[in-house]
PDB file of N, CA and C in Angstrom:
ATOM      1  N   MET A   1      74.536 144.173  87.618  1.00  0.00           N
ATOM      2  CA  MET A   1      74.078 142.794  87.624  1.00  0.00           C
ATOM      3  C   MET A   1      73.269 142.518  88.891  1.00  0.00           C
ATOM      4  N   THR A   2      72.277 141.698  88.717  1.00  0.00           N
ATOM      5  CA  THR A   2      71.488 141.317  89.879  1.00  0.00           C
ATOM      6  C   THR A   2      72.230 140.209  90.640  1.00  0.00           C
ATOM      7  N   GLY A   3      71.806 139.973  91.857  1.00  0.00           N
ATOM      8  CA  GLY A   3      72.401 138.905  92.654  1.00  0.00           C
ATOM      9  C   GLY A   3      72.261 137.550  91.984  1.00  0.00           C
ATOM     10  N   GLU A   4      71.132 137.362  91.342  1.00  0.00           N
ATOM     11  CA  GLU A   4      70.880 136.097  90.638  1.00  0.00           C
ATOM     12  C   GLU A   4      71.841 135.927  89.460  1.00  0.00           C
ATOM     13  N   GLN A   5      72.089 136.998  88.730  1.00  0.00           N
ATOM     14  CA  GLN A   5      73.023 136.945  87.607  1.00  0.00           C
ATOM     15  C   GLN A   5      74.453 136.690  88.087  1.00  0.00           C
ATOM     16  N   LEU A   6      74.842 137.337  89.176  1.00  0.00           N
ATOM     17  CA  LEU A   6      76.178 137.122  89.731  1.00  0.00           C
ATOM     18  C   LEU A   6      76.363 135.673  90.176  1.00  0.00           C
ATOM     19  N   LYS A   7      75.341 135.125  90.804  1.00  0.00           N
ATOM     20  CA  LYS A   7      75.407 133.737  91.253  1.00  0.00           C
ATOM     21  C   LYS A   7      75.530 132.799  90.058  1.00  0.00           C
ATOM     22  N   ALA A   8      74.741 133.033  89.020  1.00  0.00           N
ATOM     23  CA  ALA A   8      74.787 132.193  87.824  1.00  0.00           C
ATOM     24  C   ALA A   8      76.153 132.295  87.153  1.00  0.00           C
ATOM     25  N   GLN A   9      76.716 133.493  87.104  1.00  0.00           N
ATOM     26  CA  GLN A   9      78.028 133.689  86.497  1.00  0.00           C
ATOM     27  C   GLN A   9      79.105 132.958  87.303  1.00  0.00           C
ATOM     28  N   SER A  10      79.013 133.040  88.620  1.00  0.00           N
ATOM     29  CA  SER A  10      79.965 132.359  89.491  1.00  0.00           C
ATOM     30  C   SER A  10      79.879 130.848  89.324  1.00  0.00           C
ATOM     31  N   GLU A  11      78.675 130.312  89.258  1.00  0.00           N
ATOM     32  CA  GLU A  11      78.486 128.874  89.068  1.00  0.00           C
ATOM     33  C   GLU A  11      79.025 128.411  87.716  1.00  0.00           C
ATOM     34  N   GLU A  12      78.803 129.224  86.686  1.00  0.00           N
ATOM     35  CA  GLU A  12      79.295 128.879  85.355  1.00  0.00           C
ATOM     36  C   GLU A  12      80.822 128.878  85.328  1.00  0.00           C
ATOM     37  N   ALA A  13      81.440 129.861  85.985  1.00  0.00           N
ATOM     38  CA  ALA A  13      82.903 129.925  86.043  1.00  0.00           C
ATOM     39  C   ALA A  13      83.467 128.724  86.799  1.00  0.00           C
ATOM     40  N   LYS A  14      82.818 128.338  87.892  1.00  0.00           N
ATOM     41  CA  LYS A  14      83.272 127.184  88.664  1.00  0.00           C
ATOM     42  C   LYS A  14      83.159 125.914  87.838  1.00  0.00           C
ATOM     43  N   GLN A  15      82.053 125.749  87.128  1.00  0.00           N
ATOM     44  CA  GLN A  15      81.867 124.567  86.294  1.00  0.00           C
ATOM     45  C   GLN A  15      82.932 124.514  85.193  1.00  0.00           C
ATOM     46  N   PHE A  16      83.222 125.655  84.589  1.00  0.00           N
ATOM     47  CA  PHE A  16      84.252 125.716  83.559  1.00  0.00           C
ATOM     48  C   PHE A  16      85.599 125.297  84.142  1.00  0.00           C
ATOM     49  N   GLU A  17      85.942 125.832  85.311  1.00  0.00           N
ATOM     50  CA  GLU A  17      87.228 125.531  85.940  1.00  0.00           C
ATOM     51  C   GLU A  17      87.323 124.060  86.331  1.00  0.00           C
ATOM     52  N   ASP A  18      86.232 123.493  86.834  1.00  0.00           N
ATOM     53  CA  ASP A  18      86.219 122.084  87.233  1.00  0.00           C
ATOM     54  C   ASP A  18      86.439 121.156  86.044  1.00  0.00           C
ATOM     55  N   ASN A  19      85.987 121.549  84.878  1.00  0.00           N
ATOM     56  CA  ASN A  19      86.080 120.707  83.687  1.00  0.00           C
ATOM     57  C   ASN A  19      87.282 121.041  82.807  1.00  0.00           C
ATOM     58  N   ARG A  20      88.089 121.993  83.218  1.00  0.00           N
ATOM     59  CA  ARG A  20      89.205 122.445  82.400  1.00  0.00           C
ATOM     60  C   ARG A  20      90.390 121.487  82.524  1.00  0.00           C
ATOM     61  N   ASP A  21      91.029 121.183  81.410  1.00  0.00           N
ATOM     62  CA  ASP A  21      92.231 120.362  81.398  1.00  0.00           C
ATOM     63  C   ASP A  21      93.443 121.286  81.310  1.00  0.00           C
ATOM     64  N   TYR A  22      94.372 121.106  82.232  1.00  0.00           N
ATOM     65  CA  TYR A  22      95.604 121.890  82.213  1.00  0.00           C
ATOM     66  C   TYR A  22      96.696 121.072  81.550  1.00  0.00           C
ATOM     67  N   LYS A  23      97.521 121.737  80.739  1.00  0.00           N
ATOM     68  CA  LYS A  23      98.582 121.040  80.017  1.00  0.00           C
ATOM     69  C   LYS A  23      99.938 121.627  80.358  1.00  0.00           C
ATOM     70  N   CYS A  24     100.920 120.753  80.381  1.00  0.00           N
ATOM     71  CA  CYS A  24     102.301 121.157  80.615  1.00  0.00           C
ATOM     72  C   CYS A  24     102.763 122.038  79.450  1.00  0.00           C
ATOM     73  N   PRO A  25     103.362 123.193  79.749  1.00  0.00           N
ATOM     74  CA  PRO A  25     103.815 124.057  78.657  1.00  0.00           C
ATOM     75  C   PRO A  25     105.006 123.474  77.897  1.00  0.00           C
ATOM     76  N   ASP A  26     105.704 122.513  78.491  1.00  0.00           N
ATOM     77  CA  ASP A  26     106.868 121.929  77.817  1.00  0.00           C
ATOM     78  C   ASP A  26     106.513 120.729  76.950  1.00  0.00           C
ATOM     79  N   CYS A  27     105.777 119.759  77.526  1.00  0.00           N
ATOM     80  CA  CYS A  27     105.530 118.512  76.796  1.00  0.00           C
ATOM     81  C   CYS A  27     104.094 118.368  76.296  1.00  0.00           C
ATOM     82  N   GLY A  28     103.177 119.201  76.805  1.00  0.00           N
ATOM     83  CA  GLY A  28     101.784 119.107  76.388  1.00  0.00           C
ATOM     84  C   GLY A  28     100.996 118.045  77.131  1.00  0.00           C
ATOM     85  N   GLY A  29     101.642 117.341  78.066  1.00  0.00           N
ATOM     86  CA  GLY A  29     100.961 116.334  78.879  1.00  0.00           C
ATOM     87  C   GLY A  29     100.095 116.999  79.929  1.00  0.00           C
ATOM     88  N   PRO A  30      99.369 116.202  80.705  1.00  0.00           N
ATOM     89  CA  PRO A  30      98.509 116.787  81.737  1.00  0.00           C
ATOM     90  C   PRO A  30      99.319 117.471  82.828  1.00  0.00           C
ATOM     91  N   ALA A  31      98.803 118.574  83.335  1.00  0.00           N
ATOM     92  CA  ALA A  31      99.432 119.307  84.431  1.00  0.00           C
ATOM     93  C   ALA A  31      98.506 119.230  85.637  1.00  0.00           C
ATOM     94  N   PHE A  32      99.078 119.272  86.825  1.00  0.00           N
ATOM     95  CA  PHE A  32      98.311 119.119  88.054  1.00  0.00           C
ATOM     96  C   PHE A  32      98.638 120.242  89.021  1.00  0.00           C
ATOM     97  N   PHE A  33      97.645 120.691  89.788  1.00  0.00           N
ATOM     98  CA  PHE A  33      97.886 121.693  90.817  1.00  0.00           C
ATOM     99  C   PHE A  33      98.532 120.994  91.999  1.00  0.00           C
ATOM    100  N   MET A  34      99.736 121.449  92.356  1.00  0.00           N
ATOM    101  CA  MET A  34     100.495 120.821  93.440  1.00  0.00           C
ATOM    102  C   MET A  34     100.492 121.656  94.708  1.00  0.00           C
ATOM    103  N   GLY A  35      99.862 122.808  94.689  1.00  0.00           N
ATOM    104  CA  GLY A  35      99.897 123.704  95.838  1.00  0.00           C
ATOM    105  C   GLY A  35     100.850 124.852  95.544  1.00  0.00           C
ATOM    106  N   ILE A  36     100.661 125.958  96.229  1.00  0.00           N
ATOM    107  CA  ILE A  36     101.450 127.155  95.925  1.00  0.00           C
ATOM    108  C   ILE A  36     102.888 127.057  96.398  1.00  0.00           C
ATOM    109  N   ASP A  37     103.208 126.109  97.268  1.00  0.00           N
ATOM    110  CA  ASP A  37     104.562 125.975  97.785  1.00  0.00           C
ATOM    111  C   ASP A  37     105.432 125.022  96.965  1.00  0.00           C
ATOM    112  N   PHE A  38     104.856 124.370  95.971  1.00  0.00           N
ATOM    113  CA  PHE A  38     105.608 123.393  95.175  1.00  0.00           C
ATOM    114  C   PHE A  38     106.600 124.077  94.248  1.00  0.00           C
ATOM    115  N   LYS A  39     107.823 123.585  94.265  1.00  0.00           N
ATOM    116  CA  LYS A  39     108.832 124.042  93.314  1.00  0.00           C
ATOM    117  C   LYS A  39     109.288 122.816  92.537  1.00  0.00           C
ATOM    118  N   ALA A  40     109.099 122.850  91.241  1.00  0.00           N
ATOM    119  CA  ALA A  40     109.432 121.699  90.410  1.00  0.00           C
ATOM    120  C   ALA A  40     110.930 121.433  90.432  1.00  0.00           C
ATOM    121  N   PRO A  41     111.312 120.148  90.499  1.00  0.00           N
ATOM    122  CA  PRO A  41     112.733 119.815  90.427  1.00  0.00           C
ATOM    123  C   PRO A  41     113.249 120.027  88.999  1.00  0.00           C
ATOM    124  N   PRO A  42     114.553 120.043  88.835  1.00  0.00           N
ATOM    125  CA  PRO A  42     115.103 120.170  87.477  1.00  0.00           C
ATOM    126  C   PRO A  42     114.609 119.030  86.577  1.00  0.00           C
ATOM    127  N   LYS A  43     114.448 119.305  85.295  1.00  0.00           N
ATOM    128  CA  LYS A  43     113.972 118.289  84.357  1.00  0.00           C
ATOM    129  C   LYS A  43     114.866 117.055  84.363  1.00  0.00           C
ATOM    130  N   SER A  44     116.139 117.243  84.617  1.00  0.00           N
ATOM    131  CA  SER A  44     117.094 116.134  84.575  1.00  0.00           C
ATOM    132  C   SER A  44     117.037 115.237  85.811  1.00  0.00           C
ATOM    133  N   ASP A  45     116.324 115.653  86.855  1.00  0.00           N
ATOM    134  CA  ASP A  45     116.242 114.879  88.102  1.00  0.00           C
ATOM    135  C   ASP A  45     115.117 113.853  88.001  1.00  0.00           C
ATOM    136  N   ILE A  46     115.364 112.807  87.245  1.00  0.00           N
ATOM    137  CA  ILE A  46     114.357 111.780  86.959  1.00  0.00           C
ATOM    138  C   ILE A  46     113.893 111.084  88.231  1.00  0.00           C
ATOM    139  N   LYS A  47     114.814 110.811  89.157  1.00  0.00           N
ATOM    140  CA  LYS A  47     114.468 110.119  90.398  1.00  0.00           C
ATOM    141  C   LYS A  47     113.410 110.906  91.191  1.00  0.00           C
ATOM    142  N   THR A  48     113.614 112.213  91.333  1.00  0.00           N
ATOM    143  CA  THR A  48     112.654 113.041  92.068  1.00  0.00           C
ATOM    144  C   THR A  48     111.347 113.160  91.301  1.00  0.00           C
ATOM    145  N   TRP A  49     111.391 113.244  89.974  1.00  0.00           N
ATOM    146  CA  TRP A  49     110.165 113.332  89.191  1.00  0.00           C
ATOM    147  C   TRP A  49     109.319 112.072  89.338  1.00  0.00           C
ATOM    148  N   LYS A  50     109.959 110.916  89.495  1.00  0.00           N
ATOM    149  CA  LYS A  50     109.191 109.685  89.728  1.00  0.00           C
ATOM    150  C   LYS A  50     108.480 109.754  91.075  1.00  0.00           C
ATOM    151  N   LYS A  51     109.131 110.338  92.076  1.00  0.00           N
ATOM    152  CA  LYS A  51     108.503 110.525  93.386  1.00  0.00           C
ATOM    153  C   LYS A  51     107.339 111.513  93.285  1.00  0.00           C
ATOM    154  N   VAL A  52     107.534 112.568  92.504  1.00  0.00           N
ATOM    155  CA  VAL A  52     106.466 113.558  92.295  1.00  0.00           C
ATOM    156  C   VAL A  52     105.268 112.881  91.628  1.00  0.00           C
ATOM    157  N   GLN A  53     105.533 112.027  90.659  1.00  0.00           N
ATOM    158  CA  GLN A  53     104.445 111.328  89.967  1.00  0.00           C
ATOM    159  C   GLN A  53     103.642 110.473  90.942  1.00  0.00           C
ATOM    160  N   LYS A  54     104.313 109.737  91.813  1.00  0.00           N
ATOM    161  CA  LYS A  54     103.606 108.933  92.813  1.00  0.00           C
ATOM    162  C   LYS A  54     102.789 109.823  93.747  1.00  0.00           C
ATOM    163  N   PHE A  55     103.343 110.984  94.095  1.00  0.00           N
ATOM    164  CA  PHE A  55     102.648 111.931  94.958  1.00  0.00           C
ATOM    165  C   PHE A  55     101.377 112.431  94.279  1.00  0.00           C
ATOM    166  N   ILE A  56     101.472 112.768  93.013  1.00  0.00           N
ATOM    167  CA  ILE A  56     100.311 113.232  92.244  1.00  0.00           C
ATOM    168  C   ILE A  56      99.242 112.142  92.213  1.00  0.00           C
ATOM    169  N   GLU A  57      99.653 110.921  91.948  1.00  0.00           N
ATOM    170  CA  GLU A  57      98.712 109.809  91.864  1.00  0.00           C
ATOM    171  C   GLU A  57      98.014 109.539  93.196  1.00  0.00           C
ATOM    172  N   SER A  58      98.644 109.949  94.310  1.00  0.00           N
ATOM    173  CA  SER A  58      98.040 109.751  95.629  1.00  0.00           C
ATOM    174  C   SER A  58      96.899 110.735  95.877  1.00  0.00           C
ATOM    175  N   GLY A  59      96.846 111.835  95.082  1.00  0.00           N
ATOM    176  CA  GLY A  59      95.778 112.819  95.212  1.00  0.00           C
ATOM    177  C   GLY A  59      96.024 113.868  96.280  1.00  0.00           C
ATOM    178  N   LYS A  60      97.216 113.883  96.862  1.00  0.00           N
ATOM    179  CA  LYS A  60      97.537 114.851  97.909  1.00  0.00           C
ATOM    180  C   LYS A  60      97.909 116.201  97.312  1.00  0.00           C
ATOM    181  N   THR A  61      97.942 117.225  98.160  1.00  0.00           N
ATOM    182  CA  THR A  61      98.382 118.557  97.764  1.00  0.00           C
ATOM    183  C   THR A  61      99.682 118.874  98.485  1.00  0.00           C
ATOM    184  N   PHE A  62     100.612 119.463  97.797  1.00  0.00           N
ATOM    185  CA  PHE A  62     101.927 119.766  98.356  1.00  0.00           C
ATOM    186  C   PHE A  62     101.860 121.002  99.244  1.00  0.00           C
ATOM    187  N   TYR A  63     102.470 120.913 100.415  1.00  0.00           N
ATOM    188  CA  TYR A  63     102.644 122.044 101.326  1.00  0.00           C
ATOM    189  C   TYR A  63     104.118 122.135 101.697  1.00  0.00           C
ATOM    190  N   ARG A  64     104.530 123.240 102.275  1.00  0.00           N
ATOM    191  CA  ARG A  64     105.940 123.483 102.558  1.00  0.00           C
ATOM    192  C   ARG A  64     106.697 122.323 103.170  1.00  0.00           C
ATOM    193  N   SER A  65     106.126 121.685 104.154  1.00  0.00           N
ATOM    194  CA  SER A  65     106.855 120.645 104.862  1.00  0.00           C
ATOM    195  C   SER A  65     106.689 119.255 104.244  1.00  0.00           C
ATOM    196  N   THR A  66     105.999 119.165 103.114  1.00  0.00           N
ATOM    197  CA  THR A  66     105.763 117.879 102.476  1.00  0.00           C
ATOM    198  C   THR A  66     107.065 117.329 101.899  1.00  0.00           C
ATOM    199  N   ARG A  67     107.262 116.038 102.077  1.00  0.00           N
ATOM    200  CA  ARG A  67     108.421 115.366 101.473  1.00  0.00           C
ATOM    201  C   ARG A  67     107.920 114.263 100.562  1.00  0.00           C
ATOM    202  N   PHE A  68     108.648 114.069  99.495  1.00  0.00           N
ATOM    203  CA  PHE A  68     108.300 112.987  98.570  1.00  0.00           C
ATOM    204  C   PHE A  68     108.981 111.716  99.064  1.00  0.00           C
ATOM    205  N   GLU A  69     108.214 110.829  99.620  1.00  0.00           N
ATOM    206  CA  GLU A  69     108.767 109.576 100.159  1.00  0.00           C
ATOM    207  C   GLU A  69     108.222 108.415  99.362  1.00  0.00           C
TER     208      GLU A  69
END
């Protein structure tokens, strides 16, 4: 591949990824990237999931020391 072809392929892949909708494997609802350090709470922990939802809506990314306040 030429450099021009590689660049075009990279741009196309980025555009595809930017427009891709991720879905929850359990409920089919929207899924969000929370960062590589995020560990989902148990499904039964509704209180923590509400905090996670507010965190998602804030647009932040989760890191190790992040707390849901």
